[in-house]
C-alpha atoms as a PDB file:
ATOM      1  CA  MET A   1     -25.299  -4.284  -1.323  1.00  0.00           C
ATOM      2  CA  SER A   2     -24.338  -1.806   0.887  1.00  0.00           C
ATOM      3  CA  ARG A   3     -20.662  -3.378   1.537  1.00  0.00           C
ATOM      4  CA  ARG A   4     -20.262  -2.950  -2.144  1.00  0.00           C
ATOM      5  CA  LEU A   5     -21.049   0.724  -2.485  1.00  0.00           C
ATOM      6  CA  ARG A   6     -18.982   1.478   0.677  1.00  0.00           C
ATOM      7  CA  LYS A   7     -15.960  -0.024  -0.982  1.00  0.00           C
ATOM      8  CA  ALA A   8     -17.081   1.443  -4.186  1.00  0.00           C
ATOM      9  CA  ASN A   9     -17.186   5.102  -2.907  1.00  0.00           C
ATOM     10  CA  GLU A  10     -13.727   4.679  -1.109  1.00  0.00           C
ATOM     11  CA  ALA A  11     -12.509   3.729  -4.526  1.00  0.00           C
ATOM     12  CA  ILE A  12     -13.828   6.706  -5.867  1.00  0.00           C
ATOM     13  CA  GLU A  13     -12.335   8.663  -2.895  1.00  0.00           C
ATOM     14  CA  THR A  14      -9.170   7.237  -3.210  1.00  0.00           C
ATOM     15  CA  LEU A  15      -8.420   7.613  -6.860  1.00  0.00           C
ATOM     16  CA  THR A  16      -9.937  11.652  -6.564  1.00  0.00           C
ATOM     17  CA  PHE A  17      -7.825  12.697  -3.791  1.00  0.00           C
ATOM     18  CA  LEU A  18      -4.883  10.561  -3.462  1.00  0.00           C
ATOM     19  CA  ASP A  19      -1.452  10.705  -5.468  1.00  0.00           C
ATOM     20  CA  VAL A  20      -0.052   7.637  -6.677  1.00  0.00           C
ATOM     21  CA  SER A  21       2.364   7.305  -3.360  1.00  0.00           C
ATOM     22  CA  GLY A  22      -0.455   7.680  -1.523  1.00  0.00           C
ATOM     23  CA  ARG A  23      -2.602   4.946  -3.317  1.00  0.00           C
ATOM     24  CA  VAL A  24       0.395   2.788  -3.261  1.00  0.00           C
ATOM     25  CA  ALA A  25       0.862   3.592   0.652  1.00  0.00           C
ATOM     26  CA  LYS A  26      -3.145   2.694   1.098  1.00  0.00           C
ATOM     27  CA  PHE A  27      -3.300   0.124  -0.905  1.00  0.00           C
ATOM     28  CA  LEU A  28      -0.080  -2.013   1.218  1.00  0.00           C
ATOM     29  CA  LYS A  29      -1.628  -0.957   4.220  1.00  0.00           C
ATOM     30  CA  ASP A  30      -5.253  -2.346   3.164  1.00  0.00           C
ATOM     31  CA  ILE A  31      -3.144  -5.721   2.458  1.00  0.00           C
ATOM     32  CA  ALA A  32      -1.199  -5.271   5.779  1.00  0.00           C
ATOM     33  CA  ASN A  33      -4.725  -5.026   7.365  1.00  0.00           C
ATOM     34  CA  ASP A  34      -6.053  -8.193   6.064  1.00  0.00           C
ATOM     35  CA  ASN A  35      -3.298 -10.788   6.333  1.00  0.00           C
ATOM     36  CA  ARG A  36      -0.593  -9.150   8.563  1.00  0.00           C
ATOM     37  CA  GLU A  37       2.265 -10.766  10.192  1.00  0.00           C
ATOM     38  CA  LYS A  38       2.999  -8.808  12.976  1.00  0.00           C
ATOM     39  CA  LEU A  39       7.048  -8.557  14.036  1.00  0.00           C
ATOM     40  CA  VAL A  40       8.583  -7.892  17.275  1.00  0.00           C
ATOM     41  CA  ASN A  41       9.719  -4.507  16.444  1.00  0.00           C
ATOM     42  CA  GLY A  42       5.803  -3.310  15.254  1.00  0.00           C
ATOM     43  CA  PHE A  43       6.890  -4.265  12.052  1.00  0.00           C
ATOM     44  CA  VAL A  44       4.363  -5.542   9.782  1.00  0.00           C
ATOM     45  CA  LYS A  45       5.605  -8.218   7.239  1.00  0.00           C
ATOM     46  CA  ILE A  46       3.406  -8.992   3.742  1.00  0.00           C
ATOM     47  CA  PRO A  47       4.084 -10.384   0.432  1.00  0.00           C
ATOM     48  CA  CYS A  48       5.237  -8.740  -2.251  1.00  0.00           C
ATOM     49  CA  PRO A  49       2.755  -8.161  -4.820  1.00  0.00           C
ATOM     50  CA  THR A  50       4.493  -7.263  -8.591  1.00  0.00           C
ATOM     51  CA  HIS A  51       4.550  -3.366  -9.494  1.00  0.00           C
ATOM     52  CA  GLN A  52       2.166  -4.365 -12.527  1.00  0.00           C
ATOM     53  CA  ALA A  53      -0.455  -6.138  -9.945  1.00  0.00           C
ATOM     54  CA  ILE A  54      -0.477  -2.786  -7.440  1.00  0.00           C
ATOM     55  CA  ALA A  55      -0.851  -0.336 -10.767  1.00  0.00           C
ATOM     56  CA  ASN A  56      -3.805  -2.633 -11.918  1.00  0.00           C
ATOM     57  CA  GLN A  57      -5.781  -2.279  -8.779  1.00  0.00           C
ATOM     58  CA  ILE A  58      -4.991   1.556  -8.013  1.00  0.00           C
ATOM     59  CA  GLY A  59      -4.986   2.862 -11.950  1.00  0.00           C
ATOM     60  CA  ALA A  60      -1.536   4.197 -12.053  1.00  0.00           C
ATOM     61  CA  SER A  61       1.447   2.932 -14.366  1.00  0.00           C
ATOM     62  CA  ARG A  62       3.937   0.284 -13.145  1.00  0.00           C
ATOM     63  CA  GLU A  63       6.359   2.780 -13.794  1.00  0.00           C
ATOM     64  CA  ALA A  64       4.319   5.323 -11.219  1.00  0.00           C
ATOM     65  CA  VAL A  65       4.231   2.445  -8.754  1.00  0.00           C
ATOM     66  CA  THR A  66       7.829   2.031  -8.919  1.00  0.00           C
ATOM     67  CA  LYS A  67       8.612   5.629  -8.181  1.00  0.00           C
ATOM     68  CA  ALA A  68       6.153   5.547  -5.203  1.00  0.00           C
ATOM     69  CA  MET A  69       7.770   2.428  -3.726  1.00  0.00           C
ATOM     70  CA  LYS A  70      11.432   3.962  -3.930  1.00  0.00           C
ATOM     71  CA  SER A  71       9.560   7.238  -2.030  1.00  0.00           C
ATOM     72  CA  LEU A  72       8.390   5.097   0.625  1.00  0.00           C
ATOM     73  CA  SER A  73      11.352   3.068   1.283  1.00  0.00           C
ATOM     74  CA  SER A  74      13.530   6.235   1.133  1.00  0.00           C
ATOM     75  CA  ASN A  75      11.138   8.071   3.610  1.00  0.00           C
ATOM     76  CA  GLY A  76      11.529   4.763   6.295  1.00  0.00           C
ATOM     77  CA  LEU A  77       7.955   3.475   5.928  1.00  0.00           C
ATOM     78  CA  ILE A  78       8.677   0.514   3.750  1.00  0.00           C
ATOM     79  CA  SER A  79      11.303  -1.901   3.488  1.00  0.00           C
ATOM     80  CA  ILE A  80      11.600  -4.521   0.521  1.00  0.00           C
ATOM     81  CA  ASN A  81      13.343  -7.450   1.136  1.00  0.00           C
ATOM     82  CA  GLY A  82      13.224 -10.359  -1.780  1.00  0.00           C
ATOM     83  CA  LYS A  83       9.470 -11.135  -1.932  1.00  0.00           C
ATOM     84  CA  GLU A  84       8.447  -9.515   1.504  1.00  0.00           C
ATOM     85  CA  ILE A  85       7.550  -5.760   2.137  1.00  0.00           C
ATOM     86  CA  LEU A  86       8.266  -4.625   6.094  1.00  0.00           C
ATOM     87  CA  ILE A  87       6.001  -1.719   6.479  1.00  0.00           C
ATOM     88  CA  SER A  88       6.884   0.763   9.419  1.00  0.00           C
ATOM     89  CA  PRO A  89       4.708   1.395  12.383  1.00  0.00           C
ATOM     90  CA  LYS A  90       4.796   4.969  11.218  1.00  0.00           C
ATOM     91  CA  GLN A  91       2.621   4.366   7.928  1.00  0.00           C
ATOM     92  CA  PHE A  92      -0.271   3.181  10.359  1.00  0.00           C
ATOM     93  CA  GLU A  93       0.172   6.456  11.820  1.00  0.00           C
ATOM     94  CA  ILE A  94      -0.007   8.425   8.702  1.00  0.00           C
ATOM     95  CA  LEU A  95      -2.601   6.452   7.098  1.00  0.00           C
END
């Protein structure tokens, strides 16, 4: 029960204090922490969920998630390769 309460508090905090880009970044980081495949160069490879699936999880629209993903990509924090996302080690330092 306490685990569920902690998770709910974390979700409320995320929705309250982070913008869509921050929520997307945190969502990707959480996925990477759960099932990461660390590469030699420090990047982490995760399967790419659909933008709609991300939007449903973080409480945003698909369009906002697409903009956030482009922003994260242009800032060098992620790289999208087909059905995989490479997460930069810089992103783990930021969040």
